[in-house]
Amino acid sequence: MSKTDFANFNWLNENAIRFEEDNVILHAPAQSDFFCNHGGVSEEGITPESLTNAPFFFTEVSGDFVMRVQVNHDFKDVYDSASIMVMQDEKLWAKLCFEYTDFYTHSIVSVITNTFSDDANGNNVEGNTAWLQVARVGQSFAFHYSLDGVRFDMVRFFYLPVDQQVKVGLLPQAPTGQGGERTYSHFSLEQRTVKNIRVGK
């Protein structure tokens, strides 16, 4: 996997990138995120601000597809994540994150945004490495994760009213911290229709 494998990729909020063997290493700037807050702020705790400034390294895909990648990072600050995203525009998108949560866990977290964002913590994971996957069939999508790159478990099955062509790619984030590197490995993007979107294959 080299720079030439990403010749059709573009940037939203361009930032540092480098290619090392099978790794794509992206920099998450300080205070960078994709989240559209709906105003439900509690007296205590951390609620993400409305931000759309994280660097998104993407390509455009028409029709059904499966994208997967292994991610790794240092989990320094709350909400630090290595994420993947599918996007129509800045008000219609979904992301799957391997994130350092405000419960101080390494978790698989999903966010679906249609004008406003929800936020759903999934399974906790030991260690700093996981696989993330998104599959599309029409306007239905599913997020999956894996610990070994073989068995993928469903995180979320959802509807997103997007057009035939969408942006899909890699999203490093550091909403509350000083930023850092996020490593993406073994990237694949296949234009195919899965037989069972909940299973992801």
N, C-alpha and C. Protein backbone atom coordinates (compact mmCIF):
# COMPACT_ATOMS: atom_id res chain seq x y z
N MET A 1 0.86 -1.19 0.00
CA MET A 1 0.00 0.00 0.00
C MET A 1 0.89 1.24 0.00
N SER A 2 0.82 2.01 -1.06
CA SER A 2 1.68 3.17 -1.21
C SER A 2 0.86 4.37 -1.63
N LYS A 3 1.54 5.47 -1.82
CA LYS A 3 0.86 6.71 -2.21
C LYS A 3 0.06 6.54 -3.50
N THR A 4 0.58 5.73 -4.43
CA THR A 4 -0.11 5.53 -5.70
C THR A 4 -1.46 4.83 -5.52
N ASP A 5 -1.59 4.02 -4.45
CA ASP A 5 -2.87 3.35 -4.18
C ASP A 5 -3.96 4.33 -3.78
N PHE A 6 -3.56 5.55 -3.41
CA PHE A 6 -4.50 6.57 -2.97
C PHE A 6 -4.53 7.75 -3.95
N ALA A 7 -4.23 7.48 -5.21
CA ALA A 7 -4.16 8.54 -6.21
C ALA A 7 -5.50 9.23 -6.42
N ASN A 8 -6.60 8.52 -6.17
CA ASN A 8 -7.94 9.10 -6.38
C ASN A 8 -8.51 9.70 -5.10
N PHE A 9 -7.71 9.84 -4.06
CA PHE A 9 -8.17 10.41 -2.80
C PHE A 9 -7.96 11.92 -2.78
N ASN A 10 -8.83 12.59 -2.05
CA ASN A 10 -8.78 14.03 -1.89
C ASN A 10 -8.90 14.38 -0.41
N TRP A 11 -8.85 15.66 -0.11
CA TRP A 11 -8.89 16.13 1.28
C TRP A 11 -10.07 17.05 1.53
N LEU A 12 -10.66 16.89 2.70
CA LEU A 12 -11.46 17.92 3.33
C LEU A 12 -10.70 18.26 4.62
N ASN A 13 -10.30 19.50 4.79
CA ASN A 13 -9.46 19.91 5.92
C ASN A 13 -8.09 19.23 5.85
N GLU A 14 -7.35 19.50 4.81
CA GLU A 14 -6.08 18.83 4.56
C GLU A 14 -5.10 18.99 5.72
N ASN A 15 -4.37 17.89 5.99
CA ASN A 15 -3.35 17.90 7.04
C ASN A 15 -2.24 16.94 6.67
N ALA A 16 -1.30 16.71 7.60
CA ALA A 16 -0.12 15.92 7.32
C ALA A 16 -0.47 14.45 7.07
N ILE A 17 0.26 13.85 6.13
CA ILE A 17 0.09 12.44 5.81
C ILE A 17 1.43 11.89 5.37
N ARG A 18 1.70 10.62 5.70
CA ARG A 18 2.87 9.95 5.14
C ARG A 18 2.56 8.46 4.97
N PHE A 19 3.31 7.84 4.07
CA PHE A 19 3.11 6.44 3.73
C PHE A 19 4.35 5.65 4.11
N GLU A 20 4.18 4.58 4.91
CA GLU A 20 5.28 3.73 5.32
C GLU A 20 4.85 2.27 5.15
N GLU A 21 5.43 1.58 4.18
CA GLU A 21 5.10 0.20 3.89
C GLU A 21 3.59 0.05 3.73
N ASP A 22 2.93 -0.71 4.60
CA ASP A 22 1.49 -0.91 4.46
C ASP A 22 0.68 0.06 5.32
N ASN A 23 1.32 1.12 5.78
CA ASN A 23 0.66 2.06 6.69
C ASN A 23 0.45 3.42 6.04
N VAL A 24 -0.71 3.98 6.34
CA VAL A 24 -0.98 5.39 6.05
C VAL A 24 -1.06 6.08 7.40
N ILE A 25 -0.21 7.06 7.63
CA ILE A 25 -0.14 7.72 8.93
C ILE A 25 -0.65 9.14 8.77
N LEU A 26 -1.76 9.42 9.44
CA LEU A 26 -2.42 10.73 9.36
C LEU A 26 -2.26 11.45 10.69
N HIS A 27 -2.17 12.77 10.62
CA HIS A 27 -2.06 13.57 11.83
C HIS A 27 -3.42 14.16 12.19
N ALA A 28 -3.83 13.95 13.45
CA ALA A 28 -5.05 14.58 13.98
C ALA A 28 -4.65 15.88 14.65
N PRO A 29 -5.07 17.03 14.14
CA PRO A 29 -4.72 18.29 14.78
C PRO A 29 -5.43 18.44 16.13
N ALA A 30 -4.91 19.29 16.99
CA ALA A 30 -5.56 19.59 18.26
C ALA A 30 -6.95 20.16 18.02
N GLN A 31 -7.89 19.76 18.88
CA GLN A 31 -9.26 20.27 18.85
C GLN A 31 -9.94 20.02 17.50
N SER A 32 -9.78 18.83 16.97
CA SER A 32 -10.38 18.50 15.66
C SER A 32 -11.40 17.39 15.81
N ASP A 33 -12.54 17.55 15.13
CA ASP A 33 -13.64 16.60 15.28
C ASP A 33 -14.63 16.78 14.15
N PHE A 34 -15.51 15.78 14.01
CA PHE A 34 -16.76 15.92 13.25
C PHE A 34 -17.88 15.59 14.21
N PHE A 35 -18.67 16.59 14.57
CA PHE A 35 -19.81 16.40 15.46
C PHE A 35 -20.72 17.61 15.37
N CYS A 36 -22.03 17.38 15.23
CA CYS A 36 -23.01 18.46 15.12
C CYS A 36 -23.92 18.39 16.34
N ASN A 37 -23.59 19.14 17.37
CA ASN A 37 -24.28 19.08 18.65
C ASN A 37 -25.73 19.56 18.51
N HIS A 38 -26.64 18.88 19.21
CA HIS A 38 -28.05 19.27 19.19
C HIS A 38 -28.45 20.08 20.42
N GLY A 39 -27.47 20.48 21.23
CA GLY A 39 -27.75 21.38 22.34
C GLY A 39 -28.06 20.71 23.65
N GLY A 40 -28.08 19.36 23.68
CA GLY A 40 -28.41 18.66 24.91
C GLY A 40 -27.20 18.56 25.83
N VAL A 41 -26.85 19.66 26.46
CA VAL A 41 -25.66 19.72 27.30
C VAL A 41 -26.07 19.57 28.76
N SER A 42 -25.45 18.64 29.46
CA SER A 42 -25.76 18.44 30.87
C SER A 42 -24.84 19.29 31.74
N GLU A 43 -25.18 19.37 33.01
CA GLU A 43 -24.42 20.22 33.93
C GLU A 43 -23.01 19.69 34.13
N GLU A 44 -22.86 18.36 34.17
CA GLU A 44 -21.56 17.76 34.35
C GLU A 44 -21.20 16.88 33.16
N GLY A 45 -19.91 16.62 33.01
CA GLY A 45 -19.47 15.75 31.93
C GLY A 45 -19.04 16.54 30.71
N ILE A 46 -18.51 15.82 29.75
CA ILE A 46 -17.98 16.43 28.53
C ILE A 46 -18.92 16.13 27.38
N THR A 47 -19.42 17.16 26.75
CA THR A 47 -20.26 17.01 25.56
C THR A 47 -19.50 17.60 24.38
N PRO A 48 -19.36 16.88 23.28
CA PRO A 48 -18.60 17.40 22.15
C PRO A 48 -19.18 18.71 21.61
N GLU A 49 -18.28 19.60 21.23
CA GLU A 49 -18.71 20.83 20.57
C GLU A 49 -19.10 20.52 19.13
N SER A 50 -19.75 21.48 18.49
CA SER A 50 -20.06 21.34 17.07
C SER A 50 -18.82 21.72 16.26
N LEU A 51 -18.20 20.72 15.66
CA LEU A 51 -16.99 20.93 14.87
C LEU A 51 -17.06 20.09 13.60
N THR A 52 -16.53 20.60 12.52
CA THR A 52 -16.39 19.84 11.27
C THR A 52 -15.00 20.13 10.69
N ASN A 53 -13.99 20.09 11.56
CA ASN A 53 -12.66 20.52 11.16
C ASN A 53 -11.61 19.42 11.16
N ALA A 54 -11.99 18.18 11.45
CA ALA A 54 -11.01 17.08 11.41
C ALA A 54 -10.63 16.79 9.96
N PRO A 55 -9.38 16.39 9.72
CA PRO A 55 -8.98 16.08 8.34
C PRO A 55 -9.62 14.79 7.85
N PHE A 56 -10.23 14.84 6.69
CA PHE A 56 -10.91 13.70 6.08
C PHE A 56 -10.23 13.40 4.76
N PHE A 57 -9.59 12.24 4.67
CA PHE A 57 -8.87 11.79 3.48
C PHE A 57 -9.76 10.78 2.78
N PHE A 58 -10.34 11.15 1.64
CA PHE A 58 -11.46 10.40 1.08
C PHE A 58 -11.34 10.20 -0.42
N THR A 59 -12.12 9.22 -0.89
CA THR A 59 -12.39 9.05 -2.30
C THR A 59 -13.90 9.01 -2.49
N GLU A 60 -14.36 9.17 -3.72
CA GLU A 60 -15.79 9.13 -4.00
C GLU A 60 -16.15 7.79 -4.63
N VAL A 61 -17.25 7.21 -4.14
CA VAL A 61 -17.68 5.89 -4.57
C VAL A 61 -19.16 5.95 -4.93
N SER A 62 -19.51 5.36 -6.07
CA SER A 62 -20.91 5.26 -6.47
C SER A 62 -21.41 3.84 -6.24
N GLY A 63 -22.56 3.73 -5.61
CA GLY A 63 -23.17 2.42 -5.41
C GLY A 63 -22.64 1.69 -4.20
N ASP A 64 -22.89 0.39 -4.17
CA ASP A 64 -22.58 -0.43 -3.00
C ASP A 64 -21.08 -0.66 -2.88
N PHE A 65 -20.61 -0.83 -1.65
CA PHE A 65 -19.19 -1.03 -1.42
C PHE A 65 -18.96 -1.62 -0.03
N VAL A 66 -17.74 -2.09 0.19
CA VAL A 66 -17.24 -2.49 1.51
C VAL A 66 -15.86 -1.86 1.68
N MET A 67 -15.69 -1.10 2.75
CA MET A 67 -14.38 -0.53 3.07
C MET A 67 -13.96 -1.02 4.45
N ARG A 68 -12.70 -1.46 4.57
CA ARG A 68 -12.18 -1.88 5.87
C ARG A 68 -10.73 -1.47 6.01
N VAL A 69 -10.31 -1.32 7.28
CA VAL A 69 -8.94 -0.91 7.56
C VAL A 69 -8.62 -1.22 9.02
N GLN A 70 -7.37 -1.53 9.29
CA GLN A 70 -6.90 -1.68 10.66
C GLN A 70 -6.40 -0.32 11.15
N VAL A 71 -6.74 0.03 12.40
CA VAL A 71 -6.36 1.33 12.95
C VAL A 71 -5.61 1.16 14.27
N ASN A 72 -4.74 2.15 14.55
CA ASN A 72 -3.96 2.13 15.77
C ASN A 72 -3.62 3.56 16.17
N HIS A 73 -3.68 3.85 17.50
CA HIS A 73 -3.20 5.15 17.99
C HIS A 73 -2.93 5.06 19.48
N ASP A 74 -2.50 6.17 20.08
CA ASP A 74 -1.93 6.17 21.43
C ASP A 74 -2.94 6.40 22.55
N PHE A 75 -4.16 6.84 22.23
CA PHE A 75 -5.20 7.04 23.26
C PHE A 75 -4.71 7.98 24.38
N LYS A 76 -4.32 9.18 24.01
CA LYS A 76 -3.78 10.12 24.99
C LYS A 76 -4.86 10.95 25.68
N ASP A 77 -5.81 11.47 24.91
CA ASP A 77 -6.79 12.42 25.44
C ASP A 77 -8.21 11.95 25.14
N VAL A 78 -9.17 12.37 25.95
CA VAL A 78 -10.57 12.00 25.77
C VAL A 78 -11.04 12.34 24.35
N TYR A 79 -11.71 11.39 23.73
CA TYR A 79 -12.25 11.45 22.38
C TYR A 79 -11.20 11.33 21.27
N ASP A 80 -9.92 11.17 21.61
CA ASP A 80 -8.95 10.82 20.56
C ASP A 80 -9.47 9.60 19.81
N SER A 81 -9.36 9.62 18.48
CA SER A 81 -9.80 8.45 17.73
C SER A 81 -9.13 8.35 16.38
N ALA A 82 -9.04 7.11 15.91
CA ALA A 82 -8.80 6.80 14.50
C ALA A 82 -10.14 6.32 13.96
N SER A 83 -10.65 6.99 12.95
CA SER A 83 -12.02 6.76 12.50
C SER A 83 -12.08 6.57 11.00
N ILE A 84 -13.22 6.04 10.54
CA ILE A 84 -13.56 6.03 9.13
C ILE A 84 -14.90 6.74 8.98
N MET A 85 -15.15 7.28 7.79
CA MET A 85 -16.39 8.06 7.61
C MET A 85 -16.94 7.87 6.21
N VAL A 86 -18.28 7.91 6.11
CA VAL A 86 -18.99 8.01 4.85
C VAL A 86 -19.78 9.30 4.90
N MET A 87 -19.72 10.12 3.83
CA MET A 87 -20.28 11.47 3.89
C MET A 87 -20.96 11.87 2.59
N GLN A 88 -22.14 12.47 2.74
CA GLN A 88 -22.77 13.17 1.64
C GLN A 88 -22.28 14.63 1.64
N ASP A 89 -22.44 15.28 2.78
CA ASP A 89 -21.96 16.65 2.98
C ASP A 89 -21.78 16.84 4.48
N GLU A 90 -21.50 18.05 4.91
CA GLU A 90 -21.16 18.28 6.32
C GLU A 90 -22.36 18.16 7.26
N LYS A 91 -23.55 17.98 6.75
CA LYS A 91 -24.72 17.75 7.59
C LYS A 91 -25.32 16.36 7.45
N LEU A 92 -24.71 15.53 6.61
CA LEU A 92 -25.21 14.17 6.39
C LEU A 92 -24.03 13.23 6.25
N TRP A 93 -23.74 12.49 7.33
CA TRP A 93 -22.57 11.62 7.35
C TRP A 93 -22.67 10.63 8.51
N ALA A 94 -21.77 9.66 8.49
CA ALA A 94 -21.68 8.69 9.58
C ALA A 94 -20.23 8.29 9.75
N LYS A 95 -19.81 8.06 10.99
CA LYS A 95 -18.42 7.66 11.25
C LYS A 95 -18.38 6.53 12.27
N LEU A 96 -17.33 5.71 12.13
CA LEU A 96 -17.05 4.63 13.07
C LEU A 96 -15.66 4.89 13.63
N CYS A 97 -15.56 4.91 14.96
CA CYS A 97 -14.34 5.37 15.62
C CYS A 97 -13.78 4.30 16.56
N PHE A 98 -12.48 4.22 16.63
CA PHE A 98 -11.80 3.50 17.72
C PHE A 98 -11.30 4.61 18.64
N GLU A 99 -11.96 4.78 19.78
CA GLU A 99 -11.92 6.05 20.52
C GLU A 99 -11.58 5.85 22.00
N TYR A 100 -10.91 6.85 22.54
CA TYR A 100 -10.69 6.94 23.98
C TYR A 100 -11.87 7.72 24.55
N THR A 101 -12.78 7.02 25.21
CA THR A 101 -14.05 7.63 25.60
C THR A 101 -13.92 8.45 26.88
N ASP A 102 -14.99 9.17 27.20
CA ASP A 102 -15.03 9.92 28.45
C ASP A 102 -15.29 9.00 29.65
N PHE A 103 -15.41 7.69 29.39
CA PHE A 103 -15.43 6.69 30.46
C PHE A 103 -14.05 6.04 30.61
N TYR A 104 -13.06 6.59 29.86
CA TYR A 104 -11.66 6.15 29.92
C TYR A 104 -11.49 4.71 29.49
N THR A 105 -12.22 4.37 28.45
CA THR A 105 -12.12 3.06 27.82
C THR A 105 -11.69 3.22 26.37
N HIS A 106 -11.11 2.17 25.81
CA HIS A 106 -10.85 2.10 24.38
C HIS A 106 -12.07 1.42 23.76
N SER A 107 -12.87 2.16 23.03
CA SER A 107 -14.17 1.65 22.60
C SER A 107 -14.41 1.86 21.11
N ILE A 108 -15.28 1.02 20.58
CA ILE A 108 -15.78 1.18 19.22
C ILE A 108 -17.02 2.08 19.31
N VAL A 109 -16.93 3.26 18.72
CA VAL A 109 -17.97 4.28 18.86
C VAL A 109 -18.51 4.64 17.48
N SER A 110 -19.84 4.77 17.38
CA SER A 110 -20.45 5.18 16.11
C SER A 110 -21.24 6.48 16.29
N VAL A 111 -21.23 7.29 15.25
CA VAL A 111 -21.97 8.56 15.22
C VAL A 111 -22.68 8.66 13.88
N ILE A 112 -23.98 8.88 13.92
CA ILE A 112 -24.78 9.10 12.71
C ILE A 112 -25.29 10.53 12.75
N THR A 113 -25.10 11.25 11.66
CA THR A 113 -25.48 12.67 11.61
C THR A 113 -26.40 12.94 10.43
N ASN A 114 -27.59 13.44 10.73
CA ASN A 114 -28.50 14.00 9.73
C ASN A 114 -28.94 15.34 10.30
N THR A 115 -28.19 16.37 10.01
CA THR A 115 -28.24 17.71 10.60
C THR A 115 -27.65 17.71 12.00
N PHE A 116 -28.12 16.81 12.89
CA PHE A 116 -27.56 16.70 14.23
C PHE A 116 -26.98 15.30 14.44
N SER A 117 -26.01 15.22 15.34
CA SER A 117 -25.30 13.96 15.59
C SER A 117 -25.84 13.23 16.80
N ASP A 118 -25.94 11.90 16.68
CA ASP A 118 -26.09 11.08 17.88
C ASP A 118 -24.71 10.58 18.28
N ASP A 119 -24.64 9.73 19.29
CA ASP A 119 -23.35 9.25 19.78
C ASP A 119 -23.59 7.94 20.51
N ALA A 120 -23.00 6.84 20.04
CA ALA A 120 -23.27 5.53 20.61
C ALA A 120 -21.96 4.80 20.90
N ASN A 121 -21.67 4.60 22.18
CA ASN A 121 -20.52 3.79 22.56
C ASN A 121 -20.85 2.31 22.38
N GLY A 122 -19.92 1.58 21.77
CA GLY A 122 -20.08 0.15 21.59
C GLY A 122 -19.15 -0.62 22.50
N ASN A 123 -18.62 -1.72 21.99
CA ASN A 123 -17.78 -2.60 22.80
C ASN A 123 -16.47 -1.95 23.19
N ASN A 124 -16.02 -2.26 24.41
CA ASN A 124 -14.68 -1.88 24.83
C ASN A 124 -13.68 -2.88 24.30
N VAL A 125 -12.49 -2.41 24.00
CA VAL A 125 -11.45 -3.23 23.38
C VAL A 125 -10.16 -3.07 24.18
N GLU A 126 -9.51 -4.19 24.48
CA GLU A 126 -8.19 -4.14 25.11
C GLU A 126 -7.14 -3.81 24.05
N GLY A 127 -6.22 -2.94 24.39
CA GLY A 127 -5.14 -2.61 23.47
C GLY A 127 -5.46 -1.41 22.60
N ASN A 128 -4.55 -1.11 21.67
CA ASN A 128 -4.62 0.10 20.86
C ASN A 128 -4.91 -0.15 19.38
N THR A 129 -5.27 -1.40 19.04
CA THR A 129 -5.46 -1.75 17.63
C THR A 129 -6.80 -2.44 17.42
N ALA A 130 -7.49 -2.08 16.34
CA ALA A 130 -8.74 -2.74 15.95
C ALA A 130 -8.93 -2.57 14.45
N TRP A 131 -9.84 -3.37 13.89
CA TRP A 131 -10.26 -3.22 12.50
C TRP A 131 -11.63 -2.55 12.46
N LEU A 132 -11.83 -1.67 11.48
CA LEU A 132 -13.10 -1.00 11.27
C LEU A 132 -13.59 -1.28 9.84
N GLN A 133 -14.91 -1.43 9.70
CA GLN A 133 -15.48 -1.71 8.39
C GLN A 133 -16.82 -0.99 8.23
N VAL A 134 -17.08 -0.53 7.00
CA VAL A 134 -18.40 -0.01 6.64
C VAL A 134 -18.83 -0.70 5.35
N ALA A 135 -20.11 -1.13 5.32
CA ALA A 135 -20.69 -1.75 4.13
C ALA A 135 -21.94 -0.98 3.73
N ARG A 136 -22.13 -0.82 2.43
CA ARG A 136 -23.31 -0.12 1.92
C ARG A 136 -24.11 -1.01 0.98
N VAL A 137 -25.44 -1.01 1.15
CA VAL A 137 -26.38 -1.58 0.19
C VAL A 137 -27.49 -0.57 0.02
N GLY A 138 -27.49 0.14 -1.09
CA GLY A 138 -28.48 1.20 -1.32
C GLY A 138 -28.29 2.34 -0.33
N GLN A 139 -29.34 2.66 0.40
CA GLN A 139 -29.24 3.68 1.44
C GLN A 139 -29.14 3.06 2.84
N SER A 140 -28.88 1.76 2.88
CA SER A 140 -28.63 1.06 4.14
C SER A 140 -27.12 0.87 4.32
N PHE A 141 -26.68 1.04 5.55
CA PHE A 141 -25.27 0.91 5.88
C PHE A 141 -25.13 0.06 7.14
N ALA A 142 -23.96 -0.54 7.29
CA ALA A 142 -23.63 -1.24 8.53
C ALA A 142 -22.18 -0.98 8.88
N PHE A 143 -21.94 -0.76 10.16
CA PHE A 143 -20.60 -0.66 10.71
C PHE A 143 -20.25 -1.97 11.40
N HIS A 144 -19.01 -2.40 11.22
CA HIS A 144 -18.50 -3.60 11.88
C HIS A 144 -17.11 -3.33 12.43
N TYR A 145 -16.71 -4.15 13.41
CA TYR A 145 -15.34 -4.09 13.90
C TYR A 145 -14.81 -5.50 14.09
N SER A 146 -13.49 -5.60 14.16
CA SER A 146 -12.83 -6.89 14.34
C SER A 146 -11.56 -6.71 15.15
N LEU A 147 -11.18 -7.75 15.86
CA LEU A 147 -9.92 -7.76 16.59
C LEU A 147 -8.82 -8.48 15.81
N ASP A 148 -9.22 -9.34 14.86
CA ASP A 148 -8.23 -10.14 14.15
C ASP A 148 -8.27 -9.97 12.63
N GLY A 149 -9.19 -9.15 12.13
CA GLY A 149 -9.30 -8.95 10.68
C GLY A 149 -9.98 -10.08 9.96
N VAL A 150 -10.51 -11.05 10.72
CA VAL A 150 -11.20 -12.20 10.13
C VAL A 150 -12.68 -12.19 10.51
N ARG A 151 -12.94 -12.25 11.81
CA ARG A 151 -14.32 -12.17 12.28
C ARG A 151 -14.69 -10.72 12.53
N PHE A 152 -15.74 -10.24 11.83
CA PHE A 152 -16.23 -8.88 12.00
C PHE A 152 -17.61 -8.94 12.65
N ASP A 153 -17.78 -8.22 13.75
CA ASP A 153 -19.05 -8.16 14.45
C ASP A 153 -19.75 -6.83 14.16
N MET A 154 -21.08 -6.89 14.07
CA MET A 154 -21.83 -5.68 13.76
C MET A 154 -21.84 -4.71 14.94
N VAL A 155 -21.59 -3.46 14.64
CA VAL A 155 -21.70 -2.37 15.60
C VAL A 155 -23.05 -1.69 15.45
N ARG A 156 -23.45 -1.47 14.20
CA ARG A 156 -24.66 -0.69 13.95
C ARG A 156 -25.13 -0.89 12.53
N PHE A 157 -26.46 -1.02 12.37
CA PHE A 157 -27.12 -1.08 11.07
C PHE A 157 -28.03 0.13 10.99
N PHE A 158 -27.91 0.92 9.92
CA PHE A 158 -28.62 2.21 9.91
C PHE A 158 -28.94 2.66 8.49
N TYR A 159 -29.85 3.61 8.42
CA TYR A 159 -30.28 4.24 7.16
C TYR A 159 -29.65 5.62 7.06
N LEU A 160 -29.17 5.95 5.88
CA LEU A 160 -28.61 7.27 5.63
C LEU A 160 -29.08 7.72 4.25
N PRO A 161 -29.89 8.80 4.17
CA PRO A 161 -30.51 9.19 2.90
C PRO A 161 -29.54 9.93 1.97
N VAL A 162 -28.51 9.22 1.54
CA VAL A 162 -27.48 9.81 0.70
C VAL A 162 -27.76 9.55 -0.78
N ASP A 163 -27.03 10.26 -1.63
CA ASP A 163 -27.11 10.04 -3.07
C ASP A 163 -26.35 8.78 -3.47
N GLN A 164 -26.39 8.46 -4.75
CA GLN A 164 -25.67 7.30 -5.25
C GLN A 164 -24.16 7.41 -4.99
N GLN A 165 -23.62 8.61 -5.15
CA GLN A 165 -22.19 8.83 -4.94
C GLN A 165 -21.94 9.47 -3.58
N VAL A 166 -21.01 8.91 -2.82
CA VAL A 166 -20.66 9.43 -1.50
C VAL A 166 -19.15 9.50 -1.36
N LYS A 167 -18.72 10.21 -0.35
CA LYS A 167 -17.31 10.26 0.02
C LYS A 167 -17.07 9.21 1.11
N VAL A 168 -15.99 8.44 1.00
CA VAL A 168 -15.63 7.47 2.02
C VAL A 168 -14.13 7.55 2.26
N GLY A 169 -13.73 7.39 3.53
CA GLY A 169 -12.30 7.45 3.78
C GLY A 169 -11.94 7.47 5.25
N LEU A 170 -10.79 8.06 5.54
CA LEU A 170 -10.11 7.98 6.82
C LEU A 170 -10.20 9.32 7.55
N LEU A 171 -10.43 9.26 8.87
CA LEU A 171 -10.72 10.46 9.65
C LEU A 171 -9.98 10.41 10.99
N PRO A 172 -8.82 11.06 11.13
CA PRO A 172 -8.16 11.15 12.43
C PRO A 172 -8.72 12.32 13.24
N GLN A 173 -8.90 12.13 14.55
CA GLN A 173 -9.55 13.16 15.37
C GLN A 173 -8.86 13.32 16.72
N ALA A 174 -8.99 14.53 17.27
CA ALA A 174 -8.51 14.83 18.64
C ALA A 174 -9.36 15.97 19.19
N PRO A 175 -10.63 15.70 19.51
CA PRO A 175 -11.56 16.78 19.87
C PRO A 175 -11.18 17.60 21.10
N THR A 176 -10.58 16.98 22.09
CA THR A 176 -10.28 17.71 23.33
C THR A 176 -8.79 17.83 23.60
N GLY A 177 -7.98 17.13 22.85
CA GLY A 177 -6.56 17.05 23.16
C GLY A 177 -5.67 17.81 22.21
N GLN A 178 -4.38 17.48 22.29
CA GLN A 178 -3.36 18.19 21.52
C GLN A 178 -3.04 17.53 20.18
N GLY A 179 -3.72 16.44 19.89
CA GLY A 179 -3.54 15.81 18.59
C GLY A 179 -2.43 14.77 18.59
N GLY A 180 -2.23 14.15 17.45
CA GLY A 180 -1.21 13.12 17.31
C GLY A 180 -1.44 12.28 16.08
N GLU A 181 -0.61 11.26 15.92
CA GLU A 181 -0.67 10.43 14.74
C GLU A 181 -1.66 9.29 14.89
N ARG A 182 -2.31 8.95 13.78
CA ARG A 182 -3.22 7.82 13.70
C ARG A 182 -2.74 6.94 12.54
N THR A 183 -2.56 5.66 12.81
CA THR A 183 -2.03 4.75 11.80
C THR A 183 -3.14 3.87 11.23
N TYR A 184 -3.24 3.86 9.90
CA TYR A 184 -4.21 3.04 9.18
C TYR A 184 -3.43 2.02 8.34
N SER A 185 -3.79 0.74 8.46
CA SER A 185 -3.07 -0.33 7.79
C SER A 185 -4.03 -1.28 7.07
N HIS A 186 -3.51 -1.98 6.08
CA HIS A 186 -4.28 -3.03 5.37
C HIS A 186 -5.61 -2.48 4.83
N PHE A 187 -5.56 -1.30 4.25
CA PHE A 187 -6.77 -0.66 3.72
C PHE A 187 -7.29 -1.41 2.50
N SER A 188 -8.62 -1.59 2.42
CA SER A 188 -9.24 -2.12 1.21
C SER A 188 -10.57 -1.45 0.98
N LEU A 189 -10.91 -1.25 -0.28
CA LEU A 189 -12.20 -0.69 -0.69
C LEU A 189 -12.66 -1.45 -1.91
N GLU A 190 -13.76 -2.20 -1.75
CA GLU A 190 -14.29 -3.02 -2.82
C GLU A 190 -15.68 -2.55 -3.19
N GLN A 191 -15.92 -2.38 -4.47
CA GLN A 191 -17.26 -2.03 -4.94
C GLN A 191 -18.03 -3.31 -5.22
N ARG A 192 -18.75 -3.77 -4.21
CA ARG A 192 -19.53 -5.00 -4.30
C ARG A 192 -20.71 -4.90 -3.34
N THR A 193 -21.68 -5.78 -3.54
CA THR A 193 -22.87 -5.82 -2.69
C THR A 193 -22.79 -7.04 -1.78
N VAL A 194 -22.79 -6.81 -0.48
CA VAL A 194 -22.75 -7.94 0.45
C VAL A 194 -24.09 -8.68 0.42
N LYS A 195 -24.06 -9.96 0.73
CA LYS A 195 -25.28 -10.77 0.75
C LYS A 195 -26.09 -10.53 2.02
N ASN A 196 -25.41 -10.20 3.11
CA ASN A 196 -26.06 -9.94 4.40
C ASN A 196 -25.38 -8.74 5.03
N ILE A 197 -26.01 -7.59 4.97
CA ILE A 197 -25.36 -6.37 5.43
C ILE A 197 -25.13 -6.39 6.94
N ARG A 198 -25.97 -7.07 7.69
CA ARG A 198 -25.76 -7.13 9.14
C ARG A 198 -24.51 -7.95 9.49
N VAL A 199 -24.29 -8.98 8.70
CA VAL A 199 -23.07 -9.78 8.88
C VAL A 199 -21.86 -9.10 8.24
N GLY A 200 -22.11 -8.34 7.18
CA GLY A 200 -21.05 -7.60 6.52
C GLY A 200 -20.30 -8.37 5.47
N LYS A 201 -20.94 -9.44 4.95
CA LYS A 201 -20.30 -10.20 3.87
C LYS A 201 -21.35 -10.98 3.06
